[in-house]
Amino acid sequence: MNLCVRGETKDLSNTGVAFIVPSIRLREYYLVGENRVLEAELNLPDGKVKMQIIGERYEQLSDEHSSTTSYLIGARIAEMSCGDRDVYEQFLRTGVRQKINAPALEFRVDKS
């Protein structure tokens, strides 16, 4: 079974990512805790970057003008291929300063 959710990045660094998602879990699987490894795909201007991340903390965000709730999740990067790491670090050096739109983040929890 392959569960998937999309979010928006809030902050990126060499060691981690912060992103906003509409739910803290996919079915019964929480995105933060139990050292759960998430397969993440980050859409950057130069292509998609795949990485494995581990959620370490979260904060519930509320919109005072609507009834929707979202979650800010902070995760550390556990693994990334050398090629993806090169694209990602190039983006950190140049893309973030250009103030482009926040890249979309999609990740999966694989459970068999």
N, C-alpha and C. Protein backbone atom coordinates (compact mmCIF):
# COMPACT_ATOMS: atom_id res chain seq x y z
N MET A 1 0.85 -1.17 0.00
CA MET A 1 0.00 0.00 0.00
C MET A 1 0.90 1.24 0.00
N ASN A 2 0.56 2.19 -0.82
CA ASN A 2 1.34 3.40 -0.96
C ASN A 2 0.44 4.59 -0.65
N LEU A 3 0.68 5.27 0.48
CA LEU A 3 -0.11 6.43 0.89
C LEU A 3 0.65 7.69 0.52
N CYS A 4 -0.07 8.72 0.09
CA CYS A 4 0.60 9.91 -0.42
C CYS A 4 -0.14 11.17 0.03
N VAL A 5 0.62 12.24 0.29
CA VAL A 5 0.05 13.55 0.61
C VAL A 5 0.96 14.62 0.01
N ARG A 6 0.37 15.76 -0.32
CA ARG A 6 1.14 16.88 -0.87
C ARG A 6 1.14 18.01 0.14
N GLY A 7 2.22 18.77 0.13
CA GLY A 7 2.34 19.91 1.01
C GLY A 7 3.14 21.01 0.36
N GLU A 8 3.39 22.05 1.10
CA GLU A 8 4.17 23.18 0.63
C GLU A 8 5.33 23.40 1.58
N THR A 9 6.52 23.61 1.01
CA THR A 9 7.68 23.83 1.86
C THR A 9 7.61 25.20 2.51
N LYS A 10 8.09 25.27 3.72
CA LYS A 10 8.15 26.52 4.47
C LYS A 10 9.59 26.98 4.62
N ASP A 11 10.49 26.02 4.82
CA ASP A 11 11.90 26.33 5.02
C ASP A 11 12.73 25.13 4.57
N LEU A 12 13.89 25.41 4.00
CA LEU A 12 14.79 24.37 3.53
C LEU A 12 16.20 24.65 4.05
N SER A 13 16.92 23.61 4.42
CA SER A 13 18.31 23.77 4.82
C SER A 13 19.08 22.54 4.36
N ASN A 14 20.39 22.53 4.55
CA ASN A 14 21.20 21.39 4.17
C ASN A 14 20.81 20.12 4.91
N THR A 15 20.30 20.27 6.12
CA THR A 15 20.02 19.10 6.95
C THR A 15 18.55 18.78 7.14
N GLY A 16 17.65 19.69 6.74
CA GLY A 16 16.24 19.43 6.99
C GLY A 16 15.30 20.27 6.17
N VAL A 17 14.02 19.96 6.31
CA VAL A 17 12.96 20.70 5.63
C VAL A 17 11.82 20.94 6.61
N ALA A 18 11.14 22.05 6.40
CA ALA A 18 9.91 22.33 7.14
C ALA A 18 8.83 22.48 6.08
N PHE A 19 7.68 21.86 6.32
CA PHE A 19 6.63 21.89 5.32
C PHE A 19 5.26 21.92 6.00
N ILE A 20 4.27 22.39 5.24
CA ILE A 20 2.91 22.51 5.74
C ILE A 20 2.03 21.51 4.99
N VAL A 21 1.26 20.74 5.76
CA VAL A 21 0.36 19.74 5.21
C VAL A 21 -1.02 19.87 5.87
N PRO A 22 -2.06 19.36 5.22
CA PRO A 22 -3.40 19.49 5.78
C PRO A 22 -3.71 18.51 6.91
N SER A 23 -2.89 17.49 7.08
CA SER A 23 -3.14 16.49 8.11
C SER A 23 -1.83 15.99 8.71
N ILE A 24 -1.86 15.60 9.97
CA ILE A 24 -0.66 15.10 10.65
C ILE A 24 -0.49 13.60 10.43
N ARG A 25 -1.47 12.98 9.77
CA ARG A 25 -1.34 11.54 9.53
C ARG A 25 -1.98 11.14 8.20
N LEU A 26 -1.55 9.99 7.72
CA LEU A 26 -2.12 9.33 6.55
C LEU A 26 -2.73 8.04 7.06
N ARG A 27 -4.03 7.99 7.02
CA ARG A 27 -4.78 6.90 7.65
C ARG A 27 -4.31 6.77 9.09
N GLU A 28 -3.82 5.61 9.48
CA GLU A 28 -3.39 5.44 10.88
C GLU A 28 -1.90 5.73 11.10
N TYR A 29 -1.20 6.20 10.08
CA TYR A 29 0.24 6.44 10.16
C TYR A 29 0.54 7.92 10.40
N TYR A 30 1.09 8.23 11.55
CA TYR A 30 1.47 9.61 11.86
C TYR A 30 2.75 9.98 11.11
N LEU A 31 2.82 11.22 10.67
CA LEU A 31 3.97 11.70 9.90
C LEU A 31 5.16 12.03 10.79
N VAL A 32 4.90 12.22 12.07
CA VAL A 32 5.95 12.55 13.02
C VAL A 32 5.93 11.51 14.14
N GLY A 33 7.10 11.02 14.50
CA GLY A 33 7.20 10.06 15.60
C GLY A 33 7.58 8.68 15.12
N GLU A 34 8.00 7.86 16.05
CA GLU A 34 8.36 6.47 15.79
C GLU A 34 9.46 6.35 14.73
N ASN A 35 10.25 7.41 14.54
CA ASN A 35 11.30 7.42 13.52
C ASN A 35 10.79 6.98 12.16
N ARG A 36 9.55 7.36 11.84
CA ARG A 36 8.93 6.99 10.57
C ARG A 36 9.66 7.68 9.42
N VAL A 37 10.13 6.88 8.47
CA VAL A 37 10.82 7.40 7.29
C VAL A 37 9.78 7.71 6.23
N LEU A 38 9.83 8.93 5.72
CA LEU A 38 8.94 9.38 4.66
C LEU A 38 9.75 9.52 3.38
N GLU A 39 9.21 9.00 2.30
CA GLU A 39 9.82 9.16 0.99
C GLU A 39 9.30 10.47 0.42
N ALA A 40 10.16 11.48 0.34
CA ALA A 40 9.73 12.81 -0.10
C ALA A 40 10.23 13.11 -1.50
N GLU A 41 9.42 13.85 -2.24
CA GLU A 41 9.77 14.32 -3.57
C GLU A 41 9.55 15.82 -3.59
N LEU A 42 10.60 16.57 -3.84
CA LEU A 42 10.56 18.02 -3.83
C LEU A 42 10.66 18.52 -5.26
N ASN A 43 9.68 19.30 -5.71
CA ASN A 43 9.68 19.84 -7.07
C ASN A 43 10.45 21.16 -7.10
N LEU A 44 11.62 21.13 -7.70
CA LEU A 44 12.47 22.32 -7.83
C LEU A 44 12.52 22.75 -9.29
N PRO A 45 12.94 23.97 -9.56
CA PRO A 45 13.00 24.44 -10.95
C PRO A 45 13.84 23.56 -11.87
N ASP A 46 14.89 22.94 -11.32
CA ASP A 46 15.76 22.09 -12.14
C ASP A 46 15.35 20.62 -12.11
N GLY A 47 14.19 20.31 -11.56
CA GLY A 47 13.70 18.93 -11.54
C GLY A 47 13.31 18.47 -10.15
N LYS A 48 12.82 17.25 -10.10
CA LYS A 48 12.41 16.66 -8.84
C LYS A 48 13.62 16.11 -8.09
N VAL A 49 13.59 16.30 -6.78
CA VAL A 49 14.63 15.77 -5.91
C VAL A 49 13.95 14.81 -4.95
N LYS A 50 14.48 13.60 -4.85
CA LYS A 50 13.94 12.61 -3.93
C LYS A 50 14.83 12.52 -2.70
N MET A 51 14.19 12.35 -1.55
CA MET A 51 14.93 12.23 -0.30
C MET A 51 14.11 11.44 0.70
N GLN A 52 14.78 10.87 1.65
CA GLN A 52 14.11 10.24 2.78
C GLN A 52 14.23 11.20 3.96
N ILE A 53 13.09 11.49 4.59
CA ILE A 53 13.09 12.41 5.72
C ILE A 53 12.41 11.75 6.91
N ILE A 54 12.75 12.25 8.09
CA ILE A 54 12.14 11.76 9.33
C ILE A 54 11.56 12.96 10.07
N GLY A 55 10.25 12.95 10.26
CA GLY A 55 9.58 14.04 10.98
C GLY A 55 10.01 14.05 12.43
N GLU A 56 10.39 15.22 12.93
CA GLU A 56 10.88 15.32 14.30
C GLU A 56 9.99 16.16 15.20
N ARG A 57 9.24 17.09 14.62
CA ARG A 57 8.35 17.93 15.43
C ARG A 57 7.25 18.49 14.54
N TYR A 58 6.17 18.91 15.19
CA TYR A 58 5.08 19.52 14.43
C TYR A 58 4.37 20.54 15.29
N GLU A 59 3.67 21.41 14.60
CA GLU A 59 2.89 22.46 15.25
C GLU A 59 1.59 22.61 14.48
N GLN A 60 0.49 22.66 15.20
CA GLN A 60 -0.80 22.85 14.55
C GLN A 60 -0.97 24.32 14.21
N LEU A 61 -1.39 24.59 12.98
CA LEU A 61 -1.63 25.95 12.51
C LEU A 61 -3.12 26.12 12.30
N SER A 62 -3.67 27.20 12.74
CA SER A 62 -5.10 27.46 12.54
C SER A 62 -5.27 28.75 11.77
N ASP A 63 -6.23 28.76 10.88
CA ASP A 63 -6.56 29.95 10.12
C ASP A 63 -7.77 30.59 10.78
N GLU A 64 -7.59 31.77 11.33
CA GLU A 64 -8.67 32.43 12.06
C GLU A 64 -9.85 32.82 11.17
N HIS A 65 -9.64 32.85 9.85
CA HIS A 65 -10.70 33.26 8.92
C HIS A 65 -11.45 32.07 8.32
N SER A 66 -11.02 30.87 8.65
CA SER A 66 -11.74 29.69 8.15
C SER A 66 -11.63 28.57 9.18
N SER A 67 -12.29 27.50 8.90
CA SER A 67 -12.29 26.39 9.85
C SER A 67 -11.21 25.35 9.52
N THR A 68 -10.33 25.66 8.57
CA THR A 68 -9.31 24.69 8.19
C THR A 68 -8.13 24.71 9.15
N THR A 69 -7.56 23.56 9.35
CA THR A 69 -6.38 23.40 10.18
C THR A 69 -5.30 22.78 9.32
N SER A 70 -4.07 23.21 9.52
CA SER A 70 -2.93 22.60 8.84
C SER A 70 -1.83 22.39 9.86
N TYR A 71 -0.76 21.73 9.44
CA TYR A 71 0.32 21.38 10.35
C TYR A 71 1.66 21.76 9.73
N LEU A 72 2.49 22.38 10.53
CA LEU A 72 3.87 22.68 10.15
C LEU A 72 4.73 21.56 10.72
N ILE A 73 5.43 20.86 9.86
CA ILE A 73 6.26 19.73 10.28
C ILE A 73 7.72 20.04 9.99
N GLY A 74 8.56 19.81 10.97
CA GLY A 74 10.00 19.92 10.81
C GLY A 74 10.59 18.53 10.70
N ALA A 75 11.37 18.29 9.66
CA ALA A 75 11.93 16.96 9.43
C ALA A 75 13.40 17.07 9.08
N ARG A 76 14.15 16.06 9.46
CA ARG A 76 15.57 16.03 9.08
C ARG A 76 15.72 15.12 7.87
N ILE A 77 16.68 15.47 7.05
CA ILE A 77 16.97 14.67 5.86
C ILE A 77 17.81 13.48 6.31
N ALA A 78 17.30 12.28 6.05
CA ALA A 78 18.01 11.07 6.45
C ALA A 78 18.88 10.54 5.32
N GLU A 79 18.40 10.67 4.08
CA GLU A 79 19.15 10.12 2.96
C GLU A 79 18.74 10.80 1.66
N MET A 80 19.73 10.94 0.76
CA MET A 80 19.49 11.54 -0.55
C MET A 80 20.62 11.07 -1.46
N SER A 81 20.32 10.78 -2.71
CA SER A 81 21.37 10.37 -3.64
C SER A 81 22.33 11.55 -3.88
N CYS A 82 23.52 11.25 -4.34
CA CYS A 82 24.51 12.31 -4.60
C CYS A 82 24.00 13.29 -5.67
N GLY A 83 23.39 12.78 -6.72
CA GLY A 83 22.87 13.65 -7.78
C GLY A 83 21.76 14.56 -7.27
N ASP A 84 20.84 14.00 -6.49
CA ASP A 84 19.77 14.81 -5.92
C ASP A 84 20.34 15.82 -4.94
N ARG A 85 21.33 15.42 -4.17
CA ARG A 85 21.97 16.34 -3.21
C ARG A 85 22.58 17.52 -3.95
N ASP A 86 23.22 17.28 -5.09
CA ASP A 86 23.82 18.37 -5.87
C ASP A 86 22.75 19.37 -6.34
N VAL A 87 21.64 18.86 -6.87
CA VAL A 87 20.55 19.73 -7.34
C VAL A 87 19.97 20.51 -6.17
N TYR A 88 19.76 19.85 -5.05
CA TYR A 88 19.17 20.46 -3.86
C TYR A 88 20.07 21.57 -3.32
N GLU A 89 21.35 21.29 -3.18
CA GLU A 89 22.27 22.30 -2.64
C GLU A 89 22.45 23.47 -3.60
N GLN A 90 22.40 23.21 -4.90
CA GLN A 90 22.45 24.30 -5.88
C GLN A 90 21.24 25.21 -5.70
N PHE A 91 20.06 24.61 -5.49
CA PHE A 91 18.86 25.39 -5.24
C PHE A 91 19.00 26.22 -3.96
N LEU A 92 19.55 25.63 -2.92
CA LEU A 92 19.74 26.37 -1.66
C LEU A 92 20.64 27.58 -1.87
N ARG A 93 21.66 27.42 -2.72
CA ARG A 93 22.59 28.53 -2.96
C ARG A 93 21.98 29.64 -3.81
N THR A 94 21.11 29.29 -4.74
CA THR A 94 20.63 30.29 -5.70
C THR A 94 19.12 30.51 -5.66
N GLY A 95 18.33 29.46 -5.64
CA GLY A 95 16.88 29.56 -5.77
C GLY A 95 16.20 30.24 -4.61
N VAL A 96 16.65 29.97 -3.40
CA VAL A 96 16.01 30.55 -2.23
C VAL A 96 16.14 32.07 -2.26
N ARG A 97 17.29 32.55 -2.67
CA ARG A 97 17.51 34.00 -2.72
C ARG A 97 16.67 34.69 -3.78
N GLN A 98 16.30 33.94 -4.82
CA GLN A 98 15.50 34.52 -5.90
C GLN A 98 14.03 34.66 -5.51
N LYS A 99 13.65 34.18 -4.34
CA LYS A 99 12.29 34.28 -3.83
C LYS A 99 11.27 33.69 -4.81
N ILE A 100 11.61 32.53 -5.36
CA ILE A 100 10.63 31.86 -6.22
C ILE A 100 9.54 31.28 -5.33
N ASN A 101 8.45 30.86 -5.94
CA ASN A 101 7.36 30.26 -5.17
C ASN A 101 7.87 29.06 -4.40
N ALA A 102 7.27 28.82 -3.25
CA ALA A 102 7.67 27.69 -2.41
C ALA A 102 7.48 26.39 -3.19
N PRO A 103 8.52 25.56 -3.24
CA PRO A 103 8.40 24.31 -3.97
C PRO A 103 7.36 23.39 -3.32
N ALA A 104 6.68 22.62 -4.14
CA ALA A 104 5.73 21.64 -3.63
C ALA A 104 6.49 20.42 -3.14
N LEU A 105 5.95 19.81 -2.11
CA LEU A 105 6.56 18.62 -1.54
C LEU A 105 5.51 17.53 -1.52
N GLU A 106 5.88 16.37 -2.02
CA GLU A 106 4.99 15.22 -1.99
C GLU A 106 5.73 14.10 -1.29
N PHE A 107 5.06 13.40 -0.40
CA PHE A 107 5.74 12.29 0.24
C PHE A 107 4.80 11.13 0.47
N ARG A 108 5.43 9.97 0.67
CA ARG A 108 4.70 8.71 0.78
C ARG A 108 5.13 7.97 2.03
N VAL A 109 4.19 7.18 2.53
CA VAL A 109 4.47 6.22 3.59
C VAL A 109 4.17 4.87 2.97
N ASP A 110 5.17 4.03 2.83
CA ASP A 110 4.96 2.71 2.25
C ASP A 110 4.70 1.70 3.35
N LYS A 111 3.56 1.04 3.27
CA LYS A 111 3.21 -0.01 4.23
C LYS A 111 2.72 -1.20 3.43
N SER A 112 3.32 -2.33 3.64
CA SER A 112 2.90 -3.55 2.92
C SER A 112 2.02 -4.40 3.79
